[in-house]
Amino acid sequence: MIEVIWNSLLELRRLLSSCDNKNFSVQIVYRDNNFHIQVGIADEGQKPQVIFNFGNSLDNSGSLKFSGILKFCWDEDFNIQLQNEITNHQEFKFINTYLPYCFSTLKSHKLKRTYGISHYAQSLDGKIATVDGKSKWISDQENLNHSHRMRAMCDSILIGINTLRNDKPRLDVRHVKGNNPVKVVIGNSSASFSSLMLGKEKIIFLHLIPQNYCKVWIRF
């Protein structure tokens, strides 16, 4: 069921990314083991038109028995409200985690802001690398899947030039379904970026130069 919900969220994000300057409403309903998402958009003063309608059974075995409504709440803090104390169910936690990403592009355009999301794994004593700066994978497969879902839901992924030199990341979406983000590297283009060229996505280098100017170099 998680995969079914994920595919529906990808489609929802695609639709909402083309709904700039629209008023919209979202309702996600779980009732009697049924899962339903409905999204409507409307021009000012007009009745909402449904653009996305998805429904499916949560569990054919009937092992999940709960009811409740999850509603999207639009405001400056961009939050989602879960009602009826149903947050312990896996599907609700999944929706609550990734639904905001579906609206990220639309919210950015609407408020004329760029949003950045940071994600990293660290040890219990707060370390994210070894003493000599080498990368060490300390997370698990579940966290890796989460990071790739974040990539699929974001427009671009940004790293520094030293991360490119040391880790040689691919910055694509591999462990889940979804499109690859645009790859953005802060620093000069002298470092080898062969690891980034496995896909067809464009690469953007932001080269910082004196007097606070920024030179942009794009590889298509």
Protein backbone atom coordinates (compact mmCIF):
# COMPACT_ATOMS: atom_id res chain seq x y z
CA MET A 1 0.00 0.00 0.00
CA ILE A 2 2.89 2.41 0.70
CA GLU A 3 3.99 2.10 -2.93
CA VAL A 4 0.44 2.85 -4.12
CA ILE A 5 0.25 5.94 -1.91
CA TRP A 6 3.70 7.06 -3.07
CA ASN A 7 2.71 6.83 -6.74
CA SER A 8 -0.41 8.88 -6.04
CA LEU A 9 1.66 11.56 -4.27
CA LEU A 10 4.03 11.80 -7.25
CA GLU A 11 1.06 12.37 -9.53
CA LEU A 12 -0.41 14.91 -7.11
CA ARG A 13 2.86 16.88 -7.07
CA ARG A 14 2.98 16.89 -10.87
CA LEU A 15 -0.54 18.27 -11.08
CA LEU A 16 -0.07 20.91 -8.38
CA SER A 17 3.15 22.16 -9.97
CA SER A 18 1.06 23.43 -12.90
CA CYS A 19 -1.59 25.12 -10.74
CA ASP A 20 0.14 28.42 -10.05
CA ASN A 21 -2.06 31.36 -8.99
CA LYS A 22 -4.99 29.10 -8.18
CA ASN A 23 -6.95 28.61 -5.00
CA PHE A 24 -7.04 24.96 -4.04
CA SER A 25 -8.40 22.59 -1.44
CA VAL A 26 -7.16 19.17 -0.43
CA GLN A 27 -8.89 16.48 1.57
CA ILE A 28 -7.56 13.06 2.44
CA VAL A 29 -10.07 10.69 3.98
CA TYR A 30 -9.56 7.32 5.64
CA ARG A 31 -12.82 5.69 6.59
CA ASP A 32 -13.88 2.04 6.90
CA ASN A 33 -10.52 0.87 5.56
CA ASN A 34 -10.86 3.07 2.47
CA PHE A 35 -8.25 5.59 1.38
CA HIS A 36 -9.27 8.63 -0.65
CA ILE A 37 -7.50 11.80 -1.82
CA GLN A 38 -9.32 14.63 -3.55
CA VAL A 39 -7.81 17.89 -4.74
CA GLY A 40 -9.75 20.80 -6.18
CA ILE A 41 -8.62 24.10 -7.73
CA ALA A 42 -10.59 27.21 -8.61
CA ASP A 43 -10.19 30.75 -9.90
CA GLU A 44 -11.17 33.54 -7.54
CA GLY A 45 -14.84 33.28 -6.61
CA GLN A 46 -15.42 30.10 -8.60
CA LYS A 47 -16.50 26.66 -7.44
CA PRO A 48 -13.53 24.28 -7.07
CA GLN A 49 -12.94 21.84 -9.89
CA VAL A 50 -11.60 18.42 -8.96
CA ILE A 51 -8.24 17.81 -10.65
CA PHE A 52 -7.08 14.77 -8.71
CA ASN A 53 -9.20 11.96 -7.34
CA PHE A 54 -7.61 8.80 -6.00
CA GLY A 55 -9.09 6.00 -3.94
CA ASN A 56 -7.99 2.55 -2.91
CA SER A 57 -8.37 -0.04 -0.20
CA LEU A 58 -5.86 0.31 2.58
CA ASP A 59 -5.66 -3.34 3.49
CA ASN A 60 -7.52 -6.17 1.79
CA SER A 61 -7.14 -8.32 4.87
CA GLY A 62 -9.10 -5.81 6.92
CA SER A 63 -6.39 -5.71 9.58
CA LEU A 64 -6.49 -1.90 9.69
CA LYS A 65 -9.67 -0.69 11.33
CA PHE A 66 -9.77 3.04 11.95
CA SER A 67 -11.52 6.11 10.68
CA GLY A 68 -10.64 9.76 10.48
CA ILE A 69 -9.88 12.71 8.25
CA LEU A 70 -6.55 14.29 7.43
CA LYS A 71 -6.87 17.85 6.13
CA PHE A 72 -4.28 20.03 4.48
CA CYS A 73 -3.96 23.45 6.10
CA TRP A 74 -2.44 26.31 4.06
CA ASP A 75 -0.72 29.04 6.01
CA GLU A 76 2.69 30.66 6.41
CA ASP A 77 3.92 27.74 8.50
CA PHE A 78 2.71 25.19 5.94
CA ASN A 79 1.40 22.52 8.26
CA ILE A 80 -0.78 19.46 7.98
CA GLN A 81 -3.29 18.62 10.67
CA LEU A 82 -4.05 15.05 11.65
CA GLN A 83 -7.33 14.52 13.44
CA ASN A 84 -8.89 11.79 15.60
CA GLU A 85 -5.57 10.52 16.98
CA ILE A 86 -4.85 8.32 13.99
CA THR A 87 -1.19 9.23 13.61
CA ASN A 88 0.10 5.85 14.76
CA HIS A 89 -0.89 4.12 11.53
CA GLN A 90 1.91 3.66 9.01
CA GLU A 91 -0.06 5.10 6.09
CA PHE A 92 -0.87 8.29 8.00
CA LYS A 93 2.74 8.79 9.02
CA PHE A 94 3.79 8.33 5.40
CA ILE A 95 1.21 10.85 4.13
CA ASN A 96 2.07 13.32 6.89
CA THR A 97 5.78 13.14 5.93
CA TYR A 98 5.53 13.56 2.16
CA LEU A 99 2.33 15.51 1.48
CA PRO A 100 4.03 18.92 2.09
CA TYR A 101 6.55 18.13 -0.67
CA CYS A 102 3.67 17.88 -3.16
CA PHE A 103 2.94 21.56 -2.56
CA SER A 104 6.53 22.81 -2.34
CA THR A 105 6.83 24.17 -5.90
CA LEU A 106 3.39 25.75 -5.75
CA LYS A 107 4.07 27.32 -2.36
CA SER A 108 7.44 28.65 -3.55
CA HIS A 109 5.82 30.35 -6.55
CA LYS A 110 2.89 31.67 -4.54
CA LEU A 111 5.04 33.24 -1.80
CA LYS A 112 7.98 34.06 -4.13
CA ARG A 113 10.47 32.25 -1.92
CA THR A 114 13.00 29.48 -2.36
CA TYR A 115 12.89 26.69 0.18
CA GLY A 116 15.76 24.44 1.16
CA ILE A 117 15.54 21.09 2.96
CA SER A 118 18.50 19.60 4.81
CA HIS A 119 18.86 15.87 5.41
CA TYR A 120 21.82 14.06 6.95
CA ALA A 121 22.72 11.18 9.24
CA GLN A 122 24.94 11.69 12.26
CA SER A 123 26.40 9.59 15.05
CA LEU A 124 25.18 9.84 18.65
CA ASP A 125 28.01 12.26 19.42
CA GLY A 126 27.03 14.55 16.53
CA LYS A 127 29.60 13.49 13.91
CA ILE A 128 28.80 13.25 10.19
CA ALA A 129 32.27 12.17 8.93
CA THR A 130 35.49 10.56 10.12
CA VAL A 131 38.41 12.56 11.53
CA ASP A 132 40.09 12.78 8.12
CA GLY A 133 36.86 13.96 6.49
CA LYS A 134 35.97 10.72 4.73
CA SER A 135 32.33 9.81 4.39
CA LYS A 136 30.96 6.86 6.36
CA TRP A 137 27.49 5.44 5.78
CA ILE A 138 25.83 5.10 9.20
CA SER A 139 22.14 5.13 8.31
CA ASP A 140 19.94 2.25 7.11
CA GLN A 141 17.91 1.27 4.04
CA GLU A 142 14.75 2.93 5.32
CA ASN A 143 16.57 6.25 5.68
CA LEU A 144 18.14 5.80 2.25
CA ASN A 145 14.69 5.30 0.73
CA HIS A 146 13.52 8.44 2.51
CA SER A 147 16.39 10.50 1.09
CA HIS A 148 15.56 9.31 -2.42
CA ARG A 149 11.89 10.17 -1.92
CA MET A 150 13.01 13.67 -0.92
CA ARG A 151 15.04 13.90 -4.14
CA ALA A 152 12.03 12.83 -6.20
CA MET A 153 9.87 15.49 -4.55
CA CYS A 154 12.34 18.38 -4.91
CA ASP A 155 13.13 20.49 -7.98
CA SER A 156 16.89 20.37 -7.42
CA ILE A 157 19.55 18.94 -5.13
CA LEU A 158 22.51 21.06 -3.99
CA ILE A 159 25.99 20.09 -2.79
CA GLY A 160 29.35 21.81 -2.32
CA ILE A 161 32.37 21.21 -4.54
CA ASN A 162 34.19 19.27 -1.78
CA THR A 163 31.31 16.82 -1.51
CA LEU A 164 31.61 16.28 -5.25
CA ARG A 165 35.37 15.70 -5.00
CA ASN A 166 35.30 13.41 -1.96
CA ASP A 167 32.07 11.44 -2.31
CA LYS A 168 31.46 11.54 -6.09
CA PRO A 169 27.67 11.32 -5.63
CA ARG A 170 25.22 10.58 -8.43
CA LEU A 171 22.41 12.74 -6.96
CA ASP A 172 19.71 10.83 -8.78
CA VAL A 173 16.61 8.88 -7.74
CA ARG A 174 17.32 5.14 -7.67
CA HIS A 175 15.68 3.42 -4.71
CA VAL A 176 12.13 4.66 -5.30
CA LYS A 177 10.02 5.71 -8.25
CA GLY A 178 10.34 9.37 -9.30
CA ASN A 179 12.07 11.88 -11.55
CA ASN A 180 15.64 13.02 -10.97
CA PRO A 181 16.15 16.57 -9.66
CA VAL A 182 18.39 19.19 -11.28
CA LYS A 183 21.92 18.88 -9.86
CA VAL A 184 23.44 22.05 -8.40
CA VAL A 185 27.09 22.32 -7.29
CA ILE A 186 28.52 25.34 -5.43
CA GLY A 187 32.13 25.88 -6.52
CA ASN A 188 34.23 25.91 -9.68
CA SER A 189 33.83 23.33 -12.42
CA SER A 190 37.44 22.08 -12.32
CA ALA A 191 36.55 19.02 -10.24
CA SER A 192 35.56 15.86 -12.05
CA PHE A 193 31.80 15.55 -12.26
CA SER A 194 31.64 12.28 -14.17
CA SER A 195 29.52 10.76 -11.39
CA LEU A 196 26.83 13.35 -12.13
CA MET A 197 26.75 12.63 -15.86
CA LEU A 198 25.16 9.19 -15.66
CA GLY A 199 21.75 10.73 -16.30
CA LYS A 200 20.49 13.30 -18.79
CA GLU A 201 19.61 15.98 -16.23
CA LYS A 202 21.37 19.31 -16.48
CA ILE A 203 24.06 20.26 -13.97
CA ILE A 204 24.35 23.81 -12.62
CA PHE A 205 27.64 25.08 -11.15
CA LEU A 206 27.51 28.20 -8.98
CA HIS A 207 31.02 29.69 -9.03
CA LEU A 208 31.55 32.27 -6.28
CA ILE A 209 33.92 35.10 -7.23
CA PRO A 210 35.06 38.30 -5.40
CA GLN A 211 32.73 41.21 -4.66
CA ASN A 212 29.88 38.80 -3.85
CA TYR A 213 29.16 38.04 -7.49
CA CYS A 214 28.07 34.61 -8.60
CA LYS A 215 28.94 33.12 -11.98
CA VAL A 216 26.63 30.40 -13.24
CA TRP A 217 27.85 27.60 -15.49
CA ILE A 218 25.34 25.08 -16.80
CA ARG A 219 25.98 21.72 -18.39
CA PHE A 220 23.01 20.36 -20.38
